[in-house]
Amino acid sequence: MVSNVFKMKNQESGKLNYSNPEEKEAKRIAEVKSLSYLERLERLMAILEISFLVKNGTKIKNNDQSNS
């Protein structure tokens, strides 16, 4: 579900966008306004899911520092 939610409309993959931040923000606002209520809710749920996973995920310790 998460991979489908964050696909951008009208954006080619592999290209970086170096445009003006105000223009990017305006495009992003227009994109969000064009989404349906359900699509907005799906995006919010994906963000919450990722946030939960990052917060509660297992921590990986670096063993290189403990050997010195």
N, C-alpha and C. Protein backbone atom coordinates (compact mmCIF):
# COMPACT_ATOMS: atom_id res chain seq x y z
N MET A 1 0.82 -1.19 0.00
CA MET A 1 0.00 0.00 0.00
C MET A 1 0.86 1.26 0.00
N VAL A 2 1.93 1.27 0.77
CA VAL A 2 2.76 2.46 0.91
C VAL A 2 3.37 2.85 -0.43
N SER A 3 3.81 1.87 -1.23
CA SER A 3 4.45 2.21 -2.49
C SER A 3 3.46 2.86 -3.46
N ASN A 4 2.20 2.45 -3.44
CA ASN A 4 1.21 3.03 -4.33
C ASN A 4 0.81 4.43 -3.92
N VAL A 5 0.89 4.74 -2.65
CA VAL A 5 0.40 6.01 -2.15
C VAL A 5 1.29 7.17 -2.58
N PHE A 6 2.58 6.95 -2.63
CA PHE A 6 3.49 8.05 -2.86
C PHE A 6 3.94 8.20 -4.31
N LYS A 7 3.26 7.56 -5.23
CA LYS A 7 3.59 7.75 -6.64
C LYS A 7 3.10 9.13 -7.07
N MET A 8 3.99 9.90 -7.62
CA MET A 8 3.66 11.26 -8.03
C MET A 8 3.05 11.24 -9.44
N LYS A 9 2.03 12.04 -9.63
CA LYS A 9 1.44 12.19 -10.95
C LYS A 9 2.32 13.12 -11.79
N ASN A 10 2.43 12.82 -13.07
CA ASN A 10 3.13 13.66 -14.04
C ASN A 10 4.58 13.91 -13.67
N GLN A 11 5.24 12.95 -13.03
CA GLN A 11 6.64 13.13 -12.70
C GLN A 11 7.41 11.94 -13.25
N GLU A 12 8.46 12.23 -14.00
CA GLU A 12 9.27 11.18 -14.57
C GLU A 12 10.23 10.67 -13.51
N SER A 13 10.39 9.37 -13.44
CA SER A 13 11.29 8.81 -12.44
C SER A 13 12.74 9.04 -12.86
N GLY A 14 13.58 9.26 -11.88
CA GLY A 14 15.01 9.44 -12.14
C GLY A 14 15.43 10.87 -12.38
N LYS A 15 14.53 11.81 -12.45
CA LYS A 15 14.89 13.20 -12.68
C LYS A 15 14.79 13.98 -11.39
N LEU A 16 15.78 14.81 -11.15
CA LEU A 16 15.75 15.67 -9.98
C LEU A 16 15.08 16.99 -10.34
N ASN A 17 14.42 17.58 -9.39
CA ASN A 17 13.70 18.82 -9.63
C ASN A 17 14.43 19.96 -8.93
N TYR A 18 15.06 20.82 -9.72
CA TYR A 18 15.81 21.94 -9.17
C TYR A 18 15.04 23.25 -9.32
N SER A 19 13.74 23.18 -9.43
CA SER A 19 12.96 24.40 -9.61
C SER A 19 12.86 25.19 -8.31
N ASN A 20 12.27 26.34 -8.44
CA ASN A 20 12.09 27.26 -7.32
C ASN A 20 11.24 26.59 -6.23
N PRO A 21 11.61 26.73 -4.95
CA PRO A 21 10.82 26.10 -3.87
C PRO A 21 9.37 26.55 -3.84
N GLU A 22 9.10 27.81 -4.17
CA GLU A 22 7.72 28.29 -4.18
C GLU A 22 6.91 27.58 -5.28
N GLU A 23 7.56 27.33 -6.43
CA GLU A 23 6.88 26.63 -7.51
C GLU A 23 6.60 25.18 -7.13
N LYS A 24 7.57 24.54 -6.49
CA LYS A 24 7.38 23.16 -6.06
C LYS A 24 6.26 23.07 -5.02
N GLU A 25 6.21 24.03 -4.11
CA GLU A 25 5.17 24.03 -3.10
C GLU A 25 3.79 24.22 -3.73
N ALA A 26 3.71 25.13 -4.70
CA ALA A 26 2.43 25.37 -5.39
C ALA A 26 1.98 24.12 -6.14
N LYS A 27 2.92 23.42 -6.79
CA LYS A 27 2.57 22.19 -7.49
C LYS A 27 2.10 21.12 -6.51
N ARG A 28 2.76 21.04 -5.38
CA ARG A 28 2.40 20.04 -4.37
C ARG A 28 1.01 20.32 -3.80
N ILE A 29 0.72 21.59 -3.54
CA ILE A 29 -0.59 21.96 -3.02
C ILE A 29 -1.67 21.64 -4.04
N ALA A 30 -1.40 21.95 -5.30
CA ALA A 30 -2.37 21.65 -6.36
C ALA A 30 -2.59 20.15 -6.48
N GLU A 31 -1.51 19.37 -6.34
CA GLU A 31 -1.64 17.92 -6.42
C GLU A 31 -2.50 17.39 -5.28
N VAL A 32 -2.26 17.86 -4.07
CA VAL A 32 -3.02 17.38 -2.91
C VAL A 32 -4.49 17.79 -3.04
N LYS A 33 -4.75 18.99 -3.53
CA LYS A 33 -6.14 19.42 -3.71
C LYS A 33 -6.88 18.59 -4.75
N SER A 34 -6.13 18.04 -5.71
CA SER A 34 -6.77 17.24 -6.75
C SER A 34 -7.07 15.81 -6.29
N LEU A 35 -6.54 15.42 -5.14
CA LEU A 35 -6.77 14.07 -4.64
C LEU A 35 -8.16 13.95 -4.02
N SER A 36 -8.67 12.75 -4.06
CA SER A 36 -9.95 12.50 -3.40
C SER A 36 -9.72 12.37 -1.90
N TYR A 37 -10.79 12.38 -1.14
CA TYR A 37 -10.70 12.23 0.31
C TYR A 37 -10.02 10.91 0.67
N LEU A 38 -10.38 9.85 -0.03
CA LEU A 38 -9.81 8.53 0.25
C LEU A 38 -8.31 8.51 -0.03
N GLU A 39 -7.88 9.12 -1.12
CA GLU A 39 -6.45 9.16 -1.44
C GLU A 39 -5.67 9.96 -0.39
N ARG A 40 -6.24 11.06 0.08
CA ARG A 40 -5.60 11.83 1.15
C ARG A 40 -5.49 11.00 2.43
N LEU A 41 -6.55 10.27 2.75
CA LEU A 41 -6.54 9.43 3.94
C LEU A 41 -5.51 8.31 3.82
N GLU A 42 -5.37 7.72 2.63
CA GLU A 42 -4.38 6.67 2.41
C GLU A 42 -2.97 7.21 2.61
N ARG A 43 -2.70 8.40 2.13
CA ARG A 43 -1.38 9.01 2.31
C ARG A 43 -1.10 9.27 3.79
N LEU A 44 -2.09 9.77 4.51
CA LEU A 44 -1.92 10.02 5.93
C LEU A 44 -1.65 8.73 6.68
N MET A 45 -2.40 7.67 6.35
CA MET A 45 -2.19 6.39 7.02
C MET A 45 -0.81 5.82 6.71
N ALA A 46 -0.32 6.01 5.50
CA ALA A 46 1.02 5.54 5.15
C ALA A 46 2.09 6.29 5.94
N ILE A 47 1.92 7.59 6.10
CA ILE A 47 2.86 8.38 6.88
C ILE A 47 2.85 7.93 8.34
N LEU A 48 1.66 7.70 8.88
CA LEU A 48 1.56 7.23 10.26
C LEU A 48 2.19 5.85 10.43
N GLU A 49 2.00 4.98 9.46
CA GLU A 49 2.57 3.64 9.53
C GLU A 49 4.10 3.70 9.51
N ILE A 50 4.65 4.51 8.62
CA ILE A 50 6.10 4.66 8.54
C ILE A 50 6.65 5.27 9.83
N SER A 51 5.97 6.27 10.34
CA SER A 51 6.39 6.91 11.59
C SER A 51 6.41 5.90 12.73
N PHE A 52 5.40 5.07 12.82
CA PHE A 52 5.33 4.05 13.87
C PHE A 52 6.47 3.05 13.73
N LEU A 53 6.73 2.62 12.48
CA LEU A 53 7.80 1.65 12.25
C LEU A 53 9.17 2.23 12.61
N VAL A 54 9.40 3.49 12.28
CA VAL A 54 10.67 4.12 12.60
C VAL A 54 10.82 4.28 14.11
N LYS A 55 9.75 4.67 14.77
CA LYS A 55 9.80 4.89 16.22
C LYS A 55 10.01 3.59 16.99
N ASN A 56 9.36 2.53 16.58
CA ASN A 56 9.37 1.28 17.33
C ASN A 56 10.25 0.19 16.73
N GLY A 57 10.97 0.52 15.68
CA GLY A 57 11.83 -0.47 15.05
C GLY A 57 13.00 -0.83 15.94
N THR A 58 13.60 -1.99 15.68
CA THR A 58 14.74 -2.41 16.47
C THR A 58 15.95 -1.56 16.12
N LYS A 59 16.71 -1.25 17.14
CA LYS A 59 17.91 -0.43 16.95
C LYS A 59 19.08 -1.35 16.61
N ILE A 60 19.88 -0.95 15.64
CA ILE A 60 21.07 -1.70 15.25
C ILE A 60 22.28 -0.96 15.79
N LYS A 61 23.03 -1.64 16.64
CA LYS A 61 24.20 -1.00 17.23
C LYS A 61 25.41 -1.28 16.37
N ASN A 62 26.34 -0.33 16.34
CA ASN A 62 27.57 -0.46 15.59
C ASN A 62 28.58 -1.21 16.45
N ASN A 63 28.97 -2.41 16.05
CA ASN A 63 29.89 -3.24 16.83
C ASN A 63 31.34 -2.80 16.67
N ASP A 64 31.67 -2.01 15.66
CA ASP A 64 33.05 -1.59 15.44
C ASP A 64 33.55 -0.73 16.59
N GLN A 65 32.73 0.11 17.15
CA GLN A 65 33.16 1.01 18.21
C GLN A 65 33.36 0.28 19.53
N SER A 66 32.66 -0.81 19.77
CA SER A 66 32.78 -1.52 21.04
C SER A 66 34.06 -2.36 21.11
N ASN A 67 34.67 -2.65 19.96
CA ASN A 67 35.90 -3.46 19.94
C ASN A 67 37.15 -2.66 20.22
N SER A 68 37.09 -1.34 20.23
CA SER A 68 38.30 -0.54 20.42
C SER A 68 38.66 -0.29 21.84
